[in-house]
Amino acid sequence: MSKICTTIEQSKKLMELGIDVNTADMYWWYGGKVYYVEAMEDGDFNKESDIPCWSLSALLELIDNKAGIAKEYGTWFSYDNGKSHCGKHCDNPLDAVFEMVVWLLENKKL
């Protein structure tokens, strides 16, 4: 299974360290036997029982906003026989990775 967000343990550690839970874009909820993850935008988050969690994009946005890191997500490089390709600028890391995968597929590198 692909990891799409912080684990329950990672989420609890972030909260213990004082992260603003309003920056979470996902949450864990208990379904009786197992925990499930949902997007915050579904509107069903329960502060009393659900556990906020963060996707990679949310964590990177948090770092950008707090640390002043430039948002140049399109600055990825692919090297092939001494030639390099620089990706286009993207507004978020998911789009940058998508563009990189498209380029790799189009150029038969993946």
N, C-alpha and C. Protein backbone atom coordinates (compact mmCIF):
# COMPACT_ATOMS: atom_id res chain seq x y z
N MET A 1 0.84 -1.19 0.00
CA MET A 1 0.00 0.00 0.00
C MET A 1 0.88 1.24 0.00
N SER A 2 0.52 2.22 -0.77
CA SER A 2 1.27 3.47 -0.83
C SER A 2 1.01 4.29 0.43
N LYS A 3 2.05 4.96 0.88
CA LYS A 3 1.90 5.83 2.03
C LYS A 3 1.48 7.20 1.53
N ILE A 4 0.30 7.66 1.95
CA ILE A 4 -0.22 8.93 1.45
C ILE A 4 -0.23 10.03 2.50
N CYS A 5 0.04 9.65 3.76
CA CYS A 5 0.01 10.65 4.82
C CYS A 5 0.82 10.16 6.01
N THR A 6 0.97 11.03 7.00
CA THR A 6 1.66 10.63 8.22
C THR A 6 0.88 9.50 8.90
N THR A 7 1.63 8.62 9.55
CA THR A 7 0.99 7.55 10.31
C THR A 7 0.34 8.15 11.55
N ILE A 8 -0.43 7.34 12.24
CA ILE A 8 -1.04 7.80 13.48
C ILE A 8 0.04 8.21 14.48
N GLU A 9 1.10 7.41 14.57
CA GLU A 9 2.19 7.72 15.49
C GLU A 9 2.90 9.01 15.09
N GLN A 10 3.17 9.18 13.81
CA GLN A 10 3.81 10.41 13.33
C GLN A 10 2.92 11.63 13.59
N SER A 11 1.63 11.46 13.36
CA SER A 11 0.68 12.55 13.59
C SER A 11 0.66 12.96 15.05
N LYS A 12 0.63 11.97 15.94
CA LYS A 12 0.62 12.25 17.37
C LYS A 12 1.90 12.96 17.80
N LYS A 13 3.03 12.58 17.21
CA LYS A 13 4.31 13.24 17.52
C LYS A 13 4.28 14.70 17.09
N LEU A 14 3.77 14.97 15.89
CA LEU A 14 3.67 16.35 15.41
C LEU A 14 2.78 17.18 16.33
N MET A 15 1.68 16.60 16.77
CA MET A 15 0.77 17.32 17.66
C MET A 15 1.42 17.55 19.02
N GLU A 16 2.16 16.55 19.50
CA GLU A 16 2.89 16.68 20.78
C GLU A 16 3.89 17.84 20.71
N LEU A 17 4.47 18.02 19.53
CA LEU A 17 5.46 19.10 19.34
C LEU A 17 4.81 20.45 19.06
N GLY A 18 3.49 20.48 18.99
CA GLY A 18 2.78 21.75 18.87
C GLY A 18 2.40 22.19 17.48
N ILE A 19 2.38 21.28 16.51
CA ILE A 19 1.98 21.66 15.15
C ILE A 19 0.55 22.19 15.17
N ASP A 20 0.26 23.14 14.32
CA ASP A 20 -1.10 23.67 14.18
C ASP A 20 -1.93 22.61 13.46
N VAL A 21 -2.89 22.00 14.15
CA VAL A 21 -3.69 20.93 13.54
C VAL A 21 -4.54 21.44 12.39
N ASN A 22 -4.72 22.74 12.30
CA ASN A 22 -5.47 23.30 11.17
C ASN A 22 -4.71 23.21 9.86
N THR A 23 -3.43 22.84 9.92
CA THR A 23 -2.64 22.66 8.70
C THR A 23 -2.80 21.25 8.14
N ALA A 24 -3.43 20.35 8.89
CA ALA A 24 -3.64 18.97 8.42
C ALA A 24 -4.63 18.97 7.26
N ASP A 25 -4.36 18.15 6.27
CA ASP A 25 -5.27 18.05 5.14
C ASP A 25 -5.99 16.71 5.08
N MET A 26 -5.67 15.85 6.05
CA MET A 26 -6.29 14.53 6.11
C MET A 26 -6.53 14.17 7.57
N TYR A 27 -7.22 13.06 7.81
CA TYR A 27 -7.41 12.58 9.18
C TYR A 27 -7.65 11.08 9.20
N TRP A 28 -7.30 10.48 10.34
CA TRP A 28 -7.56 9.07 10.60
C TRP A 28 -8.85 8.96 11.40
N TRP A 29 -9.72 8.02 11.06
CA TRP A 29 -10.92 7.75 11.84
C TRP A 29 -11.02 6.25 12.05
N TYR A 30 -11.58 5.88 13.20
CA TYR A 30 -11.67 4.48 13.60
C TYR A 30 -12.98 3.88 13.12
N GLY A 31 -12.90 2.77 12.41
CA GLY A 31 -14.09 2.13 11.85
C GLY A 31 -14.52 0.87 12.57
N GLY A 32 -14.14 0.72 13.82
CA GLY A 32 -14.55 -0.46 14.58
C GLY A 32 -13.47 -1.50 14.73
N LYS A 33 -12.77 -1.81 13.65
CA LYS A 33 -11.68 -2.79 13.70
C LYS A 33 -10.36 -2.20 13.22
N VAL A 34 -10.44 -1.18 12.42
CA VAL A 34 -9.25 -0.61 11.78
C VAL A 34 -9.43 0.89 11.59
N TYR A 35 -8.30 1.59 11.46
CA TYR A 35 -8.35 3.02 11.16
C TYR A 35 -8.37 3.23 9.65
N TYR A 36 -9.08 4.27 9.23
CA TYR A 36 -9.16 4.66 7.83
C TYR A 36 -8.70 6.11 7.72
N VAL A 37 -8.27 6.50 6.53
CA VAL A 37 -7.83 7.88 6.31
C VAL A 37 -8.78 8.55 5.33
N GLU A 38 -9.09 9.81 5.60
CA GLU A 38 -9.98 10.60 4.75
C GLU A 38 -9.40 12.00 4.57
N ALA A 39 -9.86 12.68 3.55
CA ALA A 39 -9.47 14.07 3.32
C ALA A 39 -10.29 14.98 4.22
N MET A 40 -9.65 16.01 4.78
CA MET A 40 -10.35 16.96 5.63
C MET A 40 -11.54 17.60 4.92
N GLU A 41 -11.42 17.77 3.62
CA GLU A 41 -12.47 18.46 2.87
C GLU A 41 -13.79 17.70 2.81
N ASP A 42 -13.82 16.46 3.31
CA ASP A 42 -15.09 15.73 3.30
C ASP A 42 -16.07 16.26 4.35
N GLY A 43 -15.57 17.07 5.29
CA GLY A 43 -16.44 17.72 6.27
C GLY A 43 -16.88 16.86 7.44
N ASP A 44 -16.34 15.64 7.55
CA ASP A 44 -16.76 14.74 8.63
C ASP A 44 -15.76 14.65 9.77
N PHE A 45 -14.73 15.47 9.79
CA PHE A 45 -13.71 15.40 10.84
C PHE A 45 -14.33 15.69 12.20
N ASN A 46 -14.03 14.81 13.18
CA ASN A 46 -14.52 14.95 14.54
C ASN A 46 -13.32 15.20 15.45
N LYS A 47 -13.22 16.41 16.00
CA LYS A 47 -12.08 16.78 16.86
C LYS A 47 -11.92 15.86 18.06
N GLU A 48 -13.01 15.29 18.52
CA GLU A 48 -12.98 14.47 19.73
C GLU A 48 -12.41 13.07 19.49
N SER A 49 -12.63 12.51 18.32
CA SER A 49 -12.23 11.12 18.10
C SER A 49 -11.27 10.88 16.93
N ASP A 50 -11.24 11.78 15.96
CA ASP A 50 -10.39 11.59 14.79
C ASP A 50 -9.00 12.18 15.02
N ILE A 51 -8.03 11.67 14.28
CA ILE A 51 -6.64 12.11 14.44
C ILE A 51 -6.20 12.83 13.17
N PRO A 52 -5.87 14.12 13.26
CA PRO A 52 -5.40 14.84 12.08
C PRO A 52 -4.11 14.20 11.54
N CYS A 53 -3.93 14.25 10.23
CA CYS A 53 -2.68 13.77 9.62
C CYS A 53 -2.36 14.64 8.41
N TRP A 54 -1.13 14.50 7.92
CA TRP A 54 -0.62 15.40 6.89
C TRP A 54 -0.09 14.62 5.71
N SER A 55 -0.45 15.06 4.51
CA SER A 55 0.12 14.50 3.29
C SER A 55 1.50 15.12 3.07
N LEU A 56 2.23 14.58 2.12
CA LEU A 56 3.53 15.16 1.77
C LEU A 56 3.37 16.61 1.35
N SER A 57 2.36 16.88 0.54
CA SER A 57 2.13 18.25 0.08
C SER A 57 1.88 19.19 1.25
N ALA A 58 1.08 18.75 2.21
CA ALA A 58 0.78 19.60 3.37
C ALA A 58 2.03 19.88 4.19
N LEU A 59 2.87 18.86 4.39
CA LEU A 59 4.10 19.07 5.14
C LEU A 59 5.06 20.01 4.41
N LEU A 60 5.16 19.85 3.09
CA LEU A 60 6.03 20.73 2.33
C LEU A 60 5.52 22.16 2.34
N GLU A 61 4.22 22.33 2.26
CA GLU A 61 3.64 23.67 2.33
C GLU A 61 3.93 24.29 3.69
N LEU A 62 3.84 23.49 4.74
CA LEU A 62 4.12 23.98 6.09
C LEU A 62 5.57 24.45 6.20
N ILE A 63 6.47 23.65 5.66
CA ILE A 63 7.89 24.02 5.69
C ILE A 63 8.11 25.31 4.90
N ASP A 64 7.51 25.39 3.71
CA ASP A 64 7.67 26.58 2.88
C ASP A 64 7.18 27.82 3.62
N ASN A 65 6.01 27.72 4.22
CA ASN A 65 5.42 28.87 4.89
C ASN A 65 6.20 29.30 6.12
N LYS A 66 6.74 28.35 6.86
CA LYS A 66 7.41 28.67 8.12
C LYS A 66 8.90 28.93 7.96
N ALA A 67 9.53 28.26 7.01
CA ALA A 67 10.98 28.37 6.88
C ALA A 67 11.40 29.31 5.76
N GLY A 68 10.45 29.81 4.97
CA GLY A 68 10.77 30.73 3.89
C GLY A 68 11.48 30.08 2.72
N ILE A 69 11.31 28.78 2.55
CA ILE A 69 11.94 28.08 1.44
C ILE A 69 11.19 28.44 0.15
N ALA A 70 11.94 28.72 -0.90
CA ALA A 70 11.32 29.10 -2.18
C ALA A 70 10.46 27.97 -2.72
N LYS A 71 9.34 28.31 -3.29
CA LYS A 71 8.43 27.32 -3.86
C LYS A 71 8.78 27.06 -5.32
N GLU A 72 9.90 26.46 -5.53
CA GLU A 72 10.33 26.12 -6.89
C GLU A 72 10.23 24.62 -7.08
N TYR A 73 9.01 24.11 -7.02
CA TYR A 73 8.81 22.68 -7.10
C TYR A 73 9.18 22.11 -8.46
N GLY A 74 9.21 22.92 -9.47
CA GLY A 74 9.54 22.42 -10.80
C GLY A 74 11.03 22.21 -11.00
N THR A 75 11.83 22.47 -9.99
CA THR A 75 13.27 22.36 -10.14
C THR A 75 13.74 20.94 -9.86
N TRP A 76 13.34 20.04 -10.70
CA TRP A 76 13.84 18.68 -10.65
C TRP A 76 14.66 18.46 -11.91
N PHE A 77 15.59 17.53 -11.85
CA PHE A 77 16.48 17.29 -12.97
C PHE A 77 16.53 15.81 -13.31
N SER A 78 16.62 15.53 -14.57
CA SER A 78 16.81 14.17 -15.04
C SER A 78 18.10 14.15 -15.85
N TYR A 79 19.00 13.26 -15.50
CA TYR A 79 20.27 13.17 -16.20
C TYR A 79 20.32 11.91 -17.05
N ASP A 80 20.77 12.08 -18.27
CA ASP A 80 20.87 10.95 -19.18
C ASP A 80 22.06 11.18 -20.10
N ASN A 81 23.07 10.38 -19.96
CA ASN A 81 24.28 10.48 -20.79
C ASN A 81 24.84 11.90 -20.83
N GLY A 82 24.93 12.54 -19.70
CA GLY A 82 25.51 13.87 -19.63
C GLY A 82 24.56 15.01 -19.96
N LYS A 83 23.35 14.71 -20.42
CA LYS A 83 22.36 15.75 -20.72
C LYS A 83 21.40 15.86 -19.54
N SER A 84 20.96 17.07 -19.28
CA SER A 84 20.01 17.24 -18.19
C SER A 84 18.73 17.89 -18.70
N HIS A 85 17.66 17.65 -18.00
CA HIS A 85 16.37 18.25 -18.32
C HIS A 85 15.82 18.84 -17.03
N CYS A 86 15.42 20.07 -17.08
CA CYS A 86 14.83 20.74 -15.92
C CYS A 86 13.34 20.87 -16.14
N GLY A 87 12.57 20.48 -15.14
CA GLY A 87 11.12 20.54 -15.26
C GLY A 87 10.59 21.95 -15.15
N LYS A 88 9.34 22.10 -15.55
CA LYS A 88 8.70 23.42 -15.47
C LYS A 88 8.28 23.72 -14.03
N HIS A 89 8.06 24.98 -13.74
CA HIS A 89 7.62 25.38 -12.41
C HIS A 89 6.21 24.86 -12.14
N CYS A 90 6.00 24.35 -10.94
CA CYS A 90 4.69 23.88 -10.51
C CYS A 90 4.34 24.55 -9.19
N ASP A 91 3.06 24.64 -8.92
CA ASP A 91 2.59 25.29 -7.69
C ASP A 91 2.66 24.41 -6.46
N ASN A 92 2.79 23.09 -6.64
CA ASN A 92 2.85 22.20 -5.49
C ASN A 92 3.69 20.98 -5.83
N PRO A 93 4.16 20.25 -4.82
CA PRO A 93 5.06 19.12 -5.06
C PRO A 93 4.40 17.97 -5.82
N LEU A 94 3.11 17.74 -5.60
CA LEU A 94 2.44 16.66 -6.33
C LEU A 94 2.45 16.93 -7.82
N ASP A 95 2.15 18.16 -8.23
CA ASP A 95 2.18 18.50 -9.65
C ASP A 95 3.59 18.38 -10.22
N ALA A 96 4.60 18.75 -9.42
CA ALA A 96 5.99 18.64 -9.88
C ALA A 96 6.36 17.19 -10.12
N VAL A 97 5.99 16.30 -9.20
CA VAL A 97 6.28 14.88 -9.38
C VAL A 97 5.50 14.33 -10.56
N PHE A 98 4.24 14.74 -10.72
CA PHE A 98 3.45 14.32 -11.87
C PHE A 98 4.15 14.70 -13.17
N GLU A 99 4.59 15.96 -13.26
CA GLU A 99 5.27 16.43 -14.47
C GLU A 99 6.55 15.63 -14.72
N MET A 100 7.27 15.29 -13.65
CA MET A 100 8.50 14.52 -13.80
C MET A 100 8.18 13.12 -14.33
N VAL A 101 7.14 12.47 -13.80
CA VAL A 101 6.76 11.13 -14.26
C VAL A 101 6.32 11.18 -15.71
N VAL A 102 5.55 12.20 -16.10
CA VAL A 102 5.14 12.35 -17.50
C VAL A 102 6.36 12.47 -18.39
N TRP A 103 7.33 13.31 -18.00
CA TRP A 103 8.54 13.49 -18.80
C TRP A 103 9.30 12.17 -18.93
N LEU A 104 9.42 11.45 -17.82
CA LEU A 104 10.14 10.16 -17.85
C LEU A 104 9.42 9.16 -18.76
N LEU A 105 8.10 9.12 -18.71
CA LEU A 105 7.34 8.22 -19.56
C LEU A 105 7.47 8.62 -21.03
N GLU A 106 7.31 9.92 -21.31
CA GLU A 106 7.39 10.40 -22.69
C GLU A 106 8.77 10.15 -23.29
N ASN A 107 9.78 10.17 -22.45
CA ASN A 107 11.14 9.97 -22.94
C ASN A 107 11.65 8.55 -22.72
N LYS A 108 10.70 7.64 -22.44
CA LYS A 108 10.99 6.21 -22.30
C LYS A 108 12.09 5.94 -21.28
N LYS A 109 12.05 6.67 -20.17
CA LYS A 109 13.02 6.49 -19.09
C LYS A 109 12.40 5.70 -17.94
N LEU A 110 11.08 5.50 -18.02
CA LEU A 110 10.38 4.82 -16.94
C LEU A 110 9.51 3.73 -17.52
